[in-house]
Amino acid sequence: MTFEQYIKRLSEISDRLEDSAVTLDESIALFEESLKLSSECMKILKDKKGRITEINKELAGVTDNGDEL
């Protein structure tokens, strides 16, 4: 799944949990699913943050050497 798909599913879960017709067992299952989805989102964000850090370091190396961008 993509990050956007995870976010969409989390939104669906949130909407479903706000429905008063959801049983306790359903609520727990949805909560558990949301924790797993959130964990996957955090992994993706951590990876992307690392990539952005790499790009910034590469750009800093270029500008430190006096080269133009």
Protein backbone atom coordinates (compact mmCIF):
# COMPACT_ATOMS: atom_id res chain seq x y z
CA MET A 1 0.00 0.00 0.00
CA THR A 2 1.04 3.57 -0.51
CA PHE A 3 1.21 6.18 2.21
CA GLU A 4 -1.90 7.80 0.77
CA GLN A 5 -3.78 4.49 0.85
CA TYR A 6 -2.84 3.99 4.49
CA ILE A 7 -4.10 7.47 5.34
CA LYS A 8 -7.34 6.86 3.45
CA ARG A 9 -7.94 3.61 5.33
CA LEU A 10 -7.18 5.30 8.65
CA SER A 11 -9.76 7.94 7.81
CA GLU A 12 -12.31 5.24 7.00
CA ILE A 13 -11.59 3.54 10.31
CA SER A 14 -12.00 6.82 12.15
CA ASP A 15 -15.36 7.43 10.48
CA ARG A 16 -16.47 3.89 11.30
CA LEU A 17 -15.45 4.23 14.95
CA GLU A 18 -17.53 7.38 15.24
CA ASP A 19 -20.59 5.34 14.25
CA SER A 20 -22.49 4.44 17.40
CA ALA A 21 -23.65 1.17 15.82
CA VAL A 22 -20.15 -0.34 15.96
CA THR A 23 -19.88 -3.20 18.42
CA LEU A 24 -17.16 -3.39 21.03
CA ASP A 25 -15.49 -6.28 19.20
CA GLU A 26 -15.56 -4.34 15.92
CA SER A 27 -14.13 -1.30 17.66
CA ILE A 28 -11.25 -3.30 19.06
CA ALA A 29 -10.52 -4.90 15.68
CA LEU A 30 -10.60 -1.50 13.97
CA PHE A 31 -8.37 -0.02 16.66
CA GLU A 32 -5.88 -2.85 16.20
CA GLU A 33 -5.89 -2.34 12.43
CA SER A 34 -5.36 1.39 12.89
CA LEU A 35 -2.29 0.75 15.05
CA LYS A 36 -0.77 -1.46 12.36
CA LEU A 37 -1.54 1.11 9.66
CA SER A 38 -0.09 3.91 11.78
CA SER A 39 3.08 1.90 12.28
CA GLU A 40 3.44 1.44 8.53
CA CYS A 41 2.92 5.17 7.99
CA MET A 42 5.64 5.94 10.51
CA LYS A 43 8.05 3.57 8.73
CA ILE A 44 7.37 5.30 5.42
CA LEU A 45 7.81 8.76 6.94
CA LYS A 46 11.06 7.73 8.62
CA ASP A 47 12.37 6.42 5.31
CA LYS A 48 11.37 9.60 3.49
CA LYS A 49 12.94 11.76 6.20
CA GLY A 50 16.19 9.84 5.73
CA ARG A 51 16.08 10.43 2.00
CA ILE A 52 15.45 14.16 2.50
CA THR A 53 18.42 14.30 4.90
CA GLU A 54 20.61 12.64 2.25
CA ILE A 55 19.48 15.12 -0.39
CA ASN A 56 20.20 18.06 1.92
CA LYS A 57 23.68 16.70 2.66
CA GLU A 58 24.35 16.28 -1.04
CA LEU A 59 23.21 19.83 -1.71
CA ALA A 60 25.28 21.17 1.18
CA GLY A 61 28.33 19.41 -0.27
CA VAL A 62 27.74 21.04 -3.62
CA THR A 63 27.34 24.52 -2.18
CA ASP A 64 30.30 24.07 0.23
CA ASN A 65 32.54 23.34 -2.75
CA GLY A 66 31.61 26.60 -4.36
CA ASP A 67 29.73 24.92 -7.17
CA GLU A 68 26.53 26.52 -8.32
CA LEU A 69 23.25 24.66 -8.21
